[in-house]
C-alpha atoms as a PDB file:
ATOM      1  CA  GLY A   1     129.505 -88.344  48.785  1.00  0.00           C
ATOM      2  CA  GLY A   2     126.336 -89.137  46.877  1.00  0.00           C
ATOM      3  CA  GLU A   3     128.065 -91.452  44.404  1.00  0.00           C
ATOM      4  CA  HIS A   4     131.719 -90.465  44.707  1.00  0.00           C
ATOM      5  CA  THR A   5     134.548 -91.028  47.181  1.00  0.00           C
ATOM      6  CA  LEU A   6     137.473 -88.828  48.207  1.00  0.00           C
ATOM      7  CA  VAL A   7     140.700 -90.077  49.803  1.00  0.00           C
ATOM      8  CA  LEU A   8     143.286 -87.935  51.605  1.00  0.00           C
ATOM      9  CA  THR A   9     146.804 -89.377  51.889  1.00  0.00           C
ATOM     10  CA  GLU A  10     149.233 -88.738  54.731  1.00  0.00           C
ATOM     11  CA  ASP A  11     151.227 -86.350  52.553  1.00  0.00           C
ATOM     12  CA  GLY A  12     148.169 -84.248  51.708  1.00  0.00           C
ATOM     13  CA  HIS A  13     147.338 -85.510  48.219  1.00  0.00           C
ATOM     14  CA  VAL A  14     143.635 -85.850  47.356  1.00  0.00           C
ATOM     15  CA  PHE A  15     142.319 -88.681  45.191  1.00  0.00           C
ATOM     16  CA  GLY A  16     138.786 -89.505  44.064  1.00  0.00           C
ATOM     17  CA  CYS A  17     136.739 -92.139  42.293  1.00  0.00           C
ATOM     18  CA  GLY A  18     133.147 -92.747  41.262  1.00  0.00           C
ATOM     19  CA  ASP A  19     130.712 -90.293  39.712  1.00  0.00           C
ATOM     20  CA  ASN A  20     132.330 -87.308  38.003  1.00  0.00           C
ATOM     21  CA  SER A  21     129.329 -86.041  36.032  1.00  0.00           C
ATOM     22  CA  CYS A  22     129.552 -82.630  37.711  1.00  0.00           C
ATOM     23  CA  GLY A  23     133.330 -82.497  38.096  1.00  0.00           C
ATOM     24  CA  GLN A  24     133.208 -83.662  41.715  1.00  0.00           C
ATOM     25  CA  LEU A  25     136.492 -85.599  41.327  1.00  0.00           C
ATOM     26  CA  ALA A  26     138.390 -82.463  40.165  1.00  0.00           C
ATOM     27  CA  LEU A  27     140.021 -84.242  37.244  1.00  0.00           C
ATOM     28  CA  GLY A  28     139.968 -81.167  35.001  1.00  0.00           C
ATOM     29  CA  ALA A  29     137.991 -80.029  31.982  1.00  0.00           C
ATOM     30  CA  GLY A  30     137.195 -82.785  29.487  1.00  0.00           C
ATOM     31  CA  SER A  31     137.567 -85.553  32.060  1.00  0.00           C
ATOM     32  CA  PRO A  32     135.317 -88.637  31.897  1.00  0.00           C
ATOM     33  CA  LYS A  33     131.983 -88.635  33.748  1.00  0.00           C
ATOM     34  CA  MET A  34     133.033 -91.597  35.893  1.00  0.00           C
ATOM     35  CA  SER A  35     136.235 -93.107  37.210  1.00  0.00           C
ATOM     36  CA  ALA A  36     136.357 -96.675  38.519  1.00  0.00           C
ATOM     37  CA  GLN A  37     139.782 -96.146  40.093  1.00  0.00           C
ATOM     38  CA  LEU A  38     141.341 -93.532  42.332  1.00  0.00           C
ATOM     39  CA  GLU A  39     142.729 -90.566  40.423  1.00  0.00           C
ATOM     40  CA  ARG A  40     144.513 -87.549  41.829  1.00  0.00           C
ATOM     41  CA  CYS A  41     142.638 -84.245  41.935  1.00  0.00           C
ATOM     42  CA  VAL A  42     144.178 -81.536  39.753  1.00  0.00           C
ATOM     43  CA  LYS A  43     145.306 -78.035  40.742  1.00  0.00           C
ATOM     44  CA  LEU A  44     145.033 -78.655  44.458  1.00  0.00           C
ATOM     45  CA  GLY A  45     147.881 -78.176  46.915  1.00  0.00           C
ATOM     46  CA  PRO A  46     148.482 -80.278  50.031  1.00  0.00           C
ATOM     47  CA  ALA A  47     145.250 -80.635  51.991  1.00  0.00           C
ATOM     48  CA  ASP A  48     144.570 -81.129  55.693  1.00  0.00           C
ATOM     49  CA  ALA A  49     140.973 -82.332  55.332  1.00  0.00           C
ATOM     50  CA  VAL A  50     138.468 -83.284  52.626  1.00  0.00           C
ATOM     51  CA  THR A  51     134.721 -83.714  52.583  1.00  0.00           C
ATOM     52  CA  ALA A  52     132.187 -84.851  49.995  1.00  0.00           C
ATOM     53  CA  GLY A  53     128.632 -83.614  49.509  1.00  0.00           C
ATOM     54  CA  PHE A  54     125.948 -85.046  47.240  1.00  0.00           C
ATOM     55  CA  LYS A  55     127.688 -83.992  44.020  1.00  0.00           C
ATOM     56  CA  HIS A  56     130.244 -81.454  45.214  1.00  0.00           C
ATOM     57  CA  SER A  57     133.502 -81.673  47.123  1.00  0.00           C
ATOM     58  CA  ALA A  58     135.785 -79.559  49.302  1.00  0.00           C
ATOM     59  CA  ALA A  59     139.322 -79.535  50.656  1.00  0.00           C
ATOM     60  CA  LEU A  60     140.808 -77.460  53.458  1.00  0.00           C
ATOM     61  CA  CYS A  61     144.444 -76.675  52.741  1.00  0.00           C
ATOM     62  CA  GLY A  62     147.275 -75.800  55.079  1.00  0.00           C
ATOM     63  CA  ASP A  63     147.144 -72.103  54.260  1.00  0.00           C
ATOM     64  CA  GLY A  64     143.593 -71.884  55.639  1.00  0.00           C
ATOM     65  CA  GLY A  65     142.087 -71.807  52.157  1.00  0.00           C
ATOM     66  CA  LEU A  66     138.874 -73.700  51.468  1.00  0.00           C
ATOM     67  CA  TYR A  67     138.625 -75.060  47.924  1.00  0.00           C
ATOM     68  CA  LEU A  68     135.375 -76.366  46.413  1.00  0.00           C
ATOM     69  CA  TRP A  69     134.459 -78.049  43.135  1.00  0.00           C
ATOM     70  CA  GLY A  70     131.767 -80.141  41.476  1.00  0.00           C
ATOM     71  CA  ALA A  71     128.058 -79.362  41.148  1.00  0.00           C
ATOM     72  CA  ASN A  72     127.147 -75.688  41.498  1.00  0.00           C
ATOM     73  CA  ASN A  73     123.588 -75.833  40.158  1.00  0.00           C
ATOM     74  CA  GLN A  74     122.260 -74.284  43.391  1.00  0.00           C
ATOM     75  CA  GLY A  75     125.238 -72.049  44.148  1.00  0.00           C
ATOM     76  CA  GLN A  76     126.646 -74.578  46.620  1.00  0.00           C
ATOM     77  CA  LEU A  77     130.253 -73.640  45.762  1.00  0.00           C
ATOM     78  CA  GLY A  78     129.733 -70.041  46.877  1.00  0.00           C
ATOM     79  CA  LEU A  79     131.046 -68.545  43.624  1.00  0.00           C
ATOM     80  CA  GLY A  80     128.217 -66.051  43.157  1.00  0.00           C
ATOM     81  CA  ARG A  81     126.684 -67.889  40.224  1.00  0.00           C
ATOM     82  CA  ARG A  82     125.068 -71.156  39.195  1.00  0.00           C
ATOM     83  CA  GLN A  83     126.955 -73.630  37.042  1.00  0.00           C
ATOM     84  CA  ASN A  84     126.181 -77.285  36.412  1.00  0.00           C
ATOM     85  CA  ALA A  85     129.772 -78.493  36.673  1.00  0.00           C
ATOM     86  CA  VAL A  86     133.033 -77.028  38.004  1.00  0.00           C
ATOM     87  CA  HIS A  87     135.908 -79.381  37.177  1.00  0.00           C
ATOM     88  CA  GLU A  88     138.747 -77.631  39.041  1.00  0.00           C
ATOM     89  CA  PRO A  89     139.026 -76.478  42.686  1.00  0.00           C
ATOM     90  CA  GLN A  90     137.932 -72.891  43.367  1.00  0.00           C
ATOM     91  CA  ILE A  91     138.918 -70.994  46.510  1.00  0.00           C
ATOM     92  CA  LEU A  92     136.149 -69.591  48.719  1.00  0.00           C
ATOM     93  CA  ASP A  93     136.519 -65.984  49.828  1.00  0.00           C
ATOM     94  CA  VAL A  94     135.041 -65.160  53.248  1.00  0.00           C
ATOM     95  CA  GLY A  95     137.687 -62.625  54.254  1.00  0.00           C
ATOM     96  CA  GLU A  96     139.673 -64.849  56.616  1.00  0.00           C
ATOM     97  CA  LYS A  97     141.022 -68.360  57.017  1.00  0.00           C
ATOM     98  CA  VAL A  98     138.564 -71.254  57.219  1.00  0.00           C
ATOM     99  CA  ARG A  99     138.873 -73.808  60.017  1.00  0.00           C
ATOM    100  CA  ALA A 100     136.317 -76.415  58.916  1.00  0.00           C
ATOM    101  CA  CYS A 101     133.555 -77.056  56.399  1.00  0.00           C
ATOM    102  CA  ALA A 102     130.525 -79.315  55.995  1.00  0.00           C
ATOM    103  CA  LEU A 103     128.657 -80.161  52.798  1.00  0.00           C
ATOM    104  CA  GLY A 104     124.992 -81.068  52.393  1.00  0.00           C
ATOM    105  CA  ARG A 105     122.924 -82.118  49.408  1.00  0.00           C
ATOM    106  CA  TRP A 106     122.853 -78.753  47.632  1.00  0.00           C
ATOM    107  CA  HIS A 107     124.386 -76.422  50.230  1.00  0.00           C
ATOM    108  CA  SER A 108     127.622 -75.875  52.133  1.00  0.00           C
ATOM    109  CA  LEU A 109     128.810 -74.544  55.492  1.00  0.00           C
ATOM    110  CA  ALA A 110     132.159 -73.090  56.522  1.00  0.00           C
ATOM    111  CA  VAL A 111     133.457 -71.874  59.889  1.00  0.00           C
ATOM    112  CA  THR A 112     136.411 -69.515  60.127  1.00  0.00           C
ATOM    113  CA  VAL A 113     139.227 -69.233  62.632  1.00  0.00           C
ATOM    114  CA  THR A 114     137.205 -66.546  64.474  1.00  0.00           C
ATOM    115  CA  SER A 115     134.115 -68.822  64.711  1.00  0.00           C
ATOM    116  CA  MET A 116     132.114 -67.056  62.012  1.00  0.00           C
ATOM    117  CA  VAL A 117     129.796 -69.555  60.275  1.00  0.00           C
ATOM    118  CA  TRP A 118     128.929 -69.042  56.612  1.00  0.00           C
ATOM    119  CA  ALA A 119     126.325 -70.835  54.476  1.00  0.00           C
ATOM    120  CA  PHE A 120     125.615 -70.868  50.757  1.00  0.00           C
ATOM    121  CA  GLY A 121     123.613 -72.762  48.149  1.00  0.00           C
ATOM    122  CA  TRP A 122     120.043 -74.087  48.198  1.00  0.00           C
ATOM    123  CA  GLY A 123     117.959 -72.437  50.914  1.00  0.00           C
ATOM    124  CA  ARG A 124     114.732 -74.430  51.085  1.00  0.00           C
ATOM    125  CA  PHE A 125     113.505 -75.579  54.527  1.00  0.00           C
ATOM    126  CA  GLY A 126     115.717 -72.920  56.151  1.00  0.00           C
ATOM    127  CA  VAL A 127     118.838 -74.994  55.576  1.00  0.00           C
ATOM    128  CA  LEU A 128     121.021 -71.858  55.330  1.00  0.00           C
ATOM    129  CA  GLY A 129     119.814 -70.565  58.705  1.00  0.00           C
ATOM    130  CA  GLN A 130     118.640 -67.201  57.359  1.00  0.00           C
ATOM    131  CA  GLY A 131     115.021 -67.343  58.531  1.00  0.00           C
ATOM    132  CA  ASP A 132     113.646 -67.981  55.042  1.00  0.00           C
ATOM    133  CA  PHE A 133     113.833 -70.345  52.044  1.00  0.00           C
ATOM    134  CA  THR A 134     116.020 -68.121  49.838  1.00  0.00           C
ATOM    135  CA  ASP A 135     118.943 -69.533  47.847  1.00  0.00           C
ATOM    136  CA  HIS A 136     122.277 -67.743  48.257  1.00  0.00           C
ATOM    137  CA  HIS A 137     125.048 -68.075  45.680  1.00  0.00           C
ATOM    138  CA  HIS A 138     127.477 -66.037  47.799  1.00  0.00           C
ATOM    139  CA  PRO A 139     128.326 -66.978  51.414  1.00  0.00           C
ATOM    140  CA  VAL A 140     125.942 -65.494  53.988  1.00  0.00           C
ATOM    141  CA  ARG A 141     126.601 -65.286  57.720  1.00  0.00           C
ATOM    142  CA  VAL A 142     124.684 -67.636  60.004  1.00  0.00           C
ATOM    143  CA  GLU A 143     123.679 -65.483  62.989  1.00  0.00           C
ATOM    144  CA  GLY A 144     122.596 -66.442  66.482  1.00  0.00           C
ATOM    145  CA  LEU A 145     125.292 -68.973  67.377  1.00  0.00           C
ATOM    146  CA  PRO A 146     127.074 -68.434  70.708  1.00  0.00           C
ATOM    147  CA  LEU A 147     130.844 -68.183  70.496  1.00  0.00           C
ATOM    148  CA  PRO A 148     133.046 -70.030  70.211  1.00  0.00           C
ATOM    149  CA  VAL A 149     131.748 -72.428  67.564  1.00  0.00           C
ATOM    150  CA  HIS A 150     133.448 -75.731  68.336  1.00  0.00           C
ATOM    151  CA  HIS A 151     132.032 -77.890  65.556  1.00  0.00           C
ATOM    152  CA  ILE A 152     129.741 -77.714  62.491  1.00  0.00           C
ATOM    153  CA  ALA A 153     127.938 -80.513  60.673  1.00  0.00           C
ATOM    154  CA  SER A 154     125.515 -80.962  57.793  1.00  0.00           C
ATOM    155  CA  GLY A 155     123.069 -83.638  56.761  1.00  0.00           C
ATOM    156  CA  ALA A 156     121.216 -83.723  53.456  1.00  0.00           C
ATOM    157  CA  VAL A 157     118.829 -80.893  54.380  1.00  0.00           C
ATOM    158  CA  HIS A 158     119.592 -80.078  58.017  1.00  0.00           C
ATOM    159  CA  CYS A 159     122.557 -78.497  59.786  1.00  0.00           C
ATOM    160  CA  GLY A 160     123.988 -78.193  63.258  1.00  0.00           C
ATOM    161  CA  ALA A 161     126.735 -76.748  65.406  1.00  0.00           C
ATOM    162  CA  ILE A 162     128.170 -77.189  68.901  1.00  0.00           C
ATOM    163  CA  CYS A 163     128.585 -73.743  70.403  1.00  0.00           C
ATOM    164  CA  GLY A 164     129.425 -71.677  73.447  1.00  0.00           C
ATOM    165  CA  SER A 165     131.090 -72.382  76.761  1.00  0.00           C
ATOM    166  CA  SER A 166     128.308 -74.846  77.641  1.00  0.00           C
ATOM    167  CA  ARG A 167     128.807 -76.723  74.337  1.00  0.00           C
ATOM    168  CA  GLN A 168     125.122 -76.660  73.356  1.00  0.00           C
ATOM    169  CA  CYS A 169     123.755 -78.249  70.198  1.00  0.00           C
ATOM    170  CA  PHE A 170     122.113 -75.795  67.781  1.00  0.00           C
ATOM    171  CA  MET A 171     120.156 -77.105  64.799  1.00  0.00           C
ATOM    172  CA  TRP A 172     118.422 -75.646  61.754  1.00  0.00           C
ATOM    173  CA  GLY A 173     116.858 -76.805  58.475  1.00  0.00           C
ATOM    174  CA  ARG A 174     114.219 -79.385  57.608  1.00  0.00           C
ATOM    175  CA  GLY A 175     112.426 -80.680  60.680  1.00  0.00           C
ATOM    176  CA  SER A 176     110.291 -83.535  59.350  1.00  0.00           C
ATOM    177  CA  LEU A 177     111.191 -87.043  60.610  1.00  0.00           C
ATOM    178  CA  GLY A 178     112.737 -85.379  63.676  1.00  0.00           C
ATOM    179  CA  ARG A 179     115.972 -84.439  61.896  1.00  0.00           C
ATOM    180  CA  CYS A 180     116.545 -81.381  64.091  1.00  0.00           C
ATOM    181  CA  GLY A 181     115.570 -83.063  67.365  1.00  0.00           C
ATOM    182  CA  MET A 182     112.739 -80.617  68.100  1.00  0.00           C
ATOM    183  CA  GLY A 183     109.589 -82.208  66.678  1.00  0.00           C
ATOM    184  CA  GLU A 184     108.849 -82.047  62.963  1.00  0.00           C
ATOM    185  CA  SER A 185     108.660 -78.322  62.198  1.00  0.00           C
ATOM    186  CA  ASN A 186     111.261 -76.676  60.002  1.00  0.00           C
ATOM    187  CA  VAL A 187     113.829 -74.654  61.954  1.00  0.00           C
ATOM    188  CA  LEU A 188     114.610 -71.547  59.913  1.00  0.00           C
ATOM    189  CA  LYS A 189     117.282 -70.120  62.210  1.00  0.00           C
ATOM    190  CA  PRO A 190     119.703 -71.838  64.600  1.00  0.00           C
ATOM    191  CA  LYS A 191     117.943 -73.049  67.725  1.00  0.00           C
ATOM    192  CA  ALA A 192     119.314 -74.953  70.694  1.00  0.00           C
ATOM    193  CA  ILE A 193     117.926 -78.417  71.388  1.00  0.00           C
ATOM    194  CA  PRO A 194     116.347 -77.813  74.812  1.00  0.00           C
ATOM    195  CA  ASN A 195     117.362 -81.055  76.501  1.00  0.00           C
ATOM    196  CA  PHE A 196     118.883 -84.467  75.953  1.00  0.00           C
ATOM    197  CA  GLU A 197     116.810 -87.404  77.193  1.00  0.00           C
ATOM    198  CA  GLY A 198     118.631 -89.315  79.887  1.00  0.00           C
ATOM    199  CA  ALA A 199     121.231 -86.602  80.530  1.00  0.00           C
ATOM    200  CA  MET A 200     123.047 -87.135  83.794  1.00  0.00           C
ATOM    201  CA  PRO A 201     123.336 -84.441  86.504  1.00  0.00           C
ATOM    202  CA  ASN A 202     127.018 -83.980  85.618  1.00  0.00           C
ATOM    203  CA  PHE A 203     126.269 -83.398  81.920  1.00  0.00           C
ATOM    204  CA  GLU A 204     128.876 -80.919  80.664  1.00  0.00           C
ATOM    205  CA  GLY A 205     127.917 -80.491  77.037  1.00  0.00           C
ATOM    206  CA  LEU A 206     128.652 -82.142  73.722  1.00  0.00           C
ATOM    207  CA  ALA A 207     131.976 -83.078  72.202  1.00  0.00           C
ATOM    208  CA  SER A 208     130.895 -83.827  68.629  1.00  0.00           C
ATOM    209  CA  LEU A 209     127.897 -83.813  66.279  1.00  0.00           C
ATOM    210  CA  VAL A 210     127.383 -86.045  63.211  1.00  0.00           C
ATOM    211  CA  LEU A 211     124.536 -85.656  60.729  1.00  0.00           C
ATOM    212  CA  GLY A 212     123.391 -88.233  58.167  1.00  0.00           C
ATOM    213  CA  GLY A 213     120.810 -88.155  55.402  1.00  0.00           C
ATOM    214  CA  ASP A 214     117.769 -87.707  57.655  1.00  0.00           C
ATOM    215  CA  PHE A 215     119.094 -88.531  61.125  1.00  0.00           C
ATOM    216  CA  SER A 216     121.580 -87.214  63.654  1.00  0.00           C
ATOM    217  CA  ALA A 217     123.971 -88.257  66.421  1.00  0.00           C
ATOM    218  CA  ALA A 218     125.875 -86.436  69.146  1.00  0.00           C
ATOM    219  CA  VAL A 219     128.315 -87.519  71.822  1.00  0.00           C
ATOM    220  CA  SER A 220     128.773 -85.799  75.167  1.00  0.00           C
ATOM    221  CA  THR A 221     132.120 -84.853  76.662  1.00  0.00           C
ATOM    222  CA  ALA A 222     131.610 -87.849  78.980  1.00  0.00           C
ATOM    223  CA  GLY A 223     131.232 -90.237  76.017  1.00  0.00           C
ATOM    224  CA  ASP A 224     127.450 -90.753  76.044  1.00  0.00           C
ATOM    225  CA  TRP A 225     125.702 -90.950  72.653  1.00  0.00           C
ATOM    226  CA  TRP A 226     122.306 -89.524  71.651  1.00  0.00           C
ATOM    227  CA  LEU A 227     120.494 -90.268  68.388  1.00  0.00           C
ATOM    228  CA  TRP A 228     117.446 -88.738  66.717  1.00  0.00           C
ATOM    229  CA  GLY A 229     115.606 -88.456  63.405  1.00  0.00           C
ATOM    230  CA  LYS A 230     114.565 -91.044  60.847  1.00  0.00           C
ATOM    231  CA  ASN A 231     114.676 -94.686  61.957  1.00  0.00           C
ATOM    232  CA  GLU A 232     112.525 -96.434  59.352  1.00  0.00           C
ATOM    233  CA  GLU A 233     115.488 -98.530  58.160  1.00  0.00           C
ATOM    234  CA  GLY A 234     116.856 -99.071  61.675  1.00  0.00           C
ATOM    235  CA  GLN A 235     119.617 -96.485  61.231  1.00  0.00           C
ATOM    236  CA  LEU A 236     119.380 -95.378  64.867  1.00  0.00           C
ATOM    237  CA  GLY A 237     120.347 -98.838  66.075  1.00  0.00           C
ATOM    238  CA  PHE A 238     117.440 -99.455  68.465  1.00  0.00           C
ATOM    239  CA  GLY A 239     116.853-103.037  67.314  1.00  0.00           C
ATOM    240  CA  GLU A 240     113.384-103.940  66.053  1.00  0.00           C
ATOM    241  CA  ASP A 241     112.038-100.571  67.163  1.00  0.00           C
ATOM    242  CA  ARG A 242     111.761 -98.601  63.900  1.00  0.00           C
ATOM    243  CA  GLU A 243     109.972 -95.535  65.247  1.00  0.00           C
ATOM    244  CA  ASN A 244     111.425 -92.176  64.247  1.00  0.00           C
ATOM    245  CA  ARG A 245     112.810 -90.143  67.148  1.00  0.00           C
ATOM    246  CA  LEU A 246     111.650 -86.525  67.248  1.00  0.00           C
ATOM    247  CA  ALA A 247     113.977 -85.666  70.143  1.00  0.00           C
ATOM    248  CA  PRO A 248     117.423 -86.975  71.171  1.00  0.00           C
ATOM    249  CA  CYS A 249     117.369 -90.443  72.751  1.00  0.00           C
ATOM    250  CA  ARG A 250     120.319 -91.874  74.615  1.00  0.00           C
ATOM    251  CA  SER A 251     121.902 -95.001  73.102  1.00  0.00           C
ATOM    252  CA  HIS A 252     123.253 -97.390  75.726  1.00  0.00           C
ATOM    253  CA  ALA A 253     124.382 -99.777  72.965  1.00  0.00           C
ATOM    254  CA  LEU A 254     126.985 -97.224  71.846  1.00  0.00           C
ATOM    255  CA  ALA A 255     128.667 -96.946  75.245  1.00  0.00           C
ATOM    256  CA  GLY A 256     132.422 -97.116  74.740  1.00  0.00           C
ATOM    257  CA  PHE A 257     132.364 -96.109  71.076  1.00  0.00           C
ATOM    258  CA  ARG A 258     134.442 -93.059  70.182  1.00  0.00           C
ATOM    259  CA  HIS A 259     133.333 -92.182  66.654  1.00  0.00           C
ATOM    260  CA  ILE A 260     130.303 -92.589  64.393  1.00  0.00           C
ATOM    261  CA  ALA A 261     129.967 -92.151  60.630  1.00  0.00           C
ATOM    262  CA  LEU A 262     126.468 -91.622  59.212  1.00  0.00           C
ATOM    263  CA  GLY A 263     125.394 -92.298  55.633  1.00  0.00           C
ATOM    264  CA  ASP A 264     122.054 -91.694  53.974  1.00  0.00           C
ATOM    265  CA  CYS A 265     120.237 -94.539  55.758  1.00  0.00           C
ATOM    266  CA  HIS A 266     122.941 -96.382  57.723  1.00  0.00           C
ATOM    267  CA  ALA A 267     125.537 -95.809  60.422  1.00  0.00           C
ATOM    268  CA  VAL A 268     128.927 -97.233  61.447  1.00  0.00           C
ATOM    269  CA  ALA A 269     130.456 -96.904  64.921  1.00  0.00           C
ATOM    270  CA  PHE A 270     134.151 -97.134  65.808  1.00  0.00           C
ATOM    271  CA  ARG A 271     135.785 -97.963  69.104  1.00  0.00           C
END
């Protein structure tokens, strides 16, 4: 997260450390504002996945329930209200089981088992995909994504999804620095990236999408990587070339890598 870390054990227990000023470690009411060691989150059953936003956190549990906690100053927990700190996990109600979630700086995304995508929290730059800059404290449906939705992802202020039988990449949110891969204009509703530079004739869509602070990465089903967005600190890995990329550019240096993790201004690749 922004200044906190979550750990999920093999038996489903969730632990956290770091900043707890907004309750993002779920240590309960009256807990200290920081923990320098891993402590177990309270009132949370066995989890299958965890994710950390800027100052809020989420866990997806085996019953299909999505639990969120931490900062809610922009409605990013989807509780229908604003609240500076929520110290215990709260379940999100979208009417059906949740399959995955993604957290941004002050917003959140969730996708259900029927591929319905929901967004809530801070709405500036179109980050909630509603066509405007309105904040939403309750979950709102993100329209215009072909079914099925295979994957969702969120950066600080931009979002994306891999959708449909052709596994296209749809993006929305803040466009400056090339975050969305379509120039520098804000994208207020989901829009497909029209092409991927260097795509081969046998290109069969994308397998995964990863979004960092102000940059993005995607891998094709054939294992080819594309990167775009901010590159001022070299986070796209193109050597001494620090130009931002306003459209996806193929990375030959990442050939053979299976996974990428993106931070605010850096990236790590795994074979």
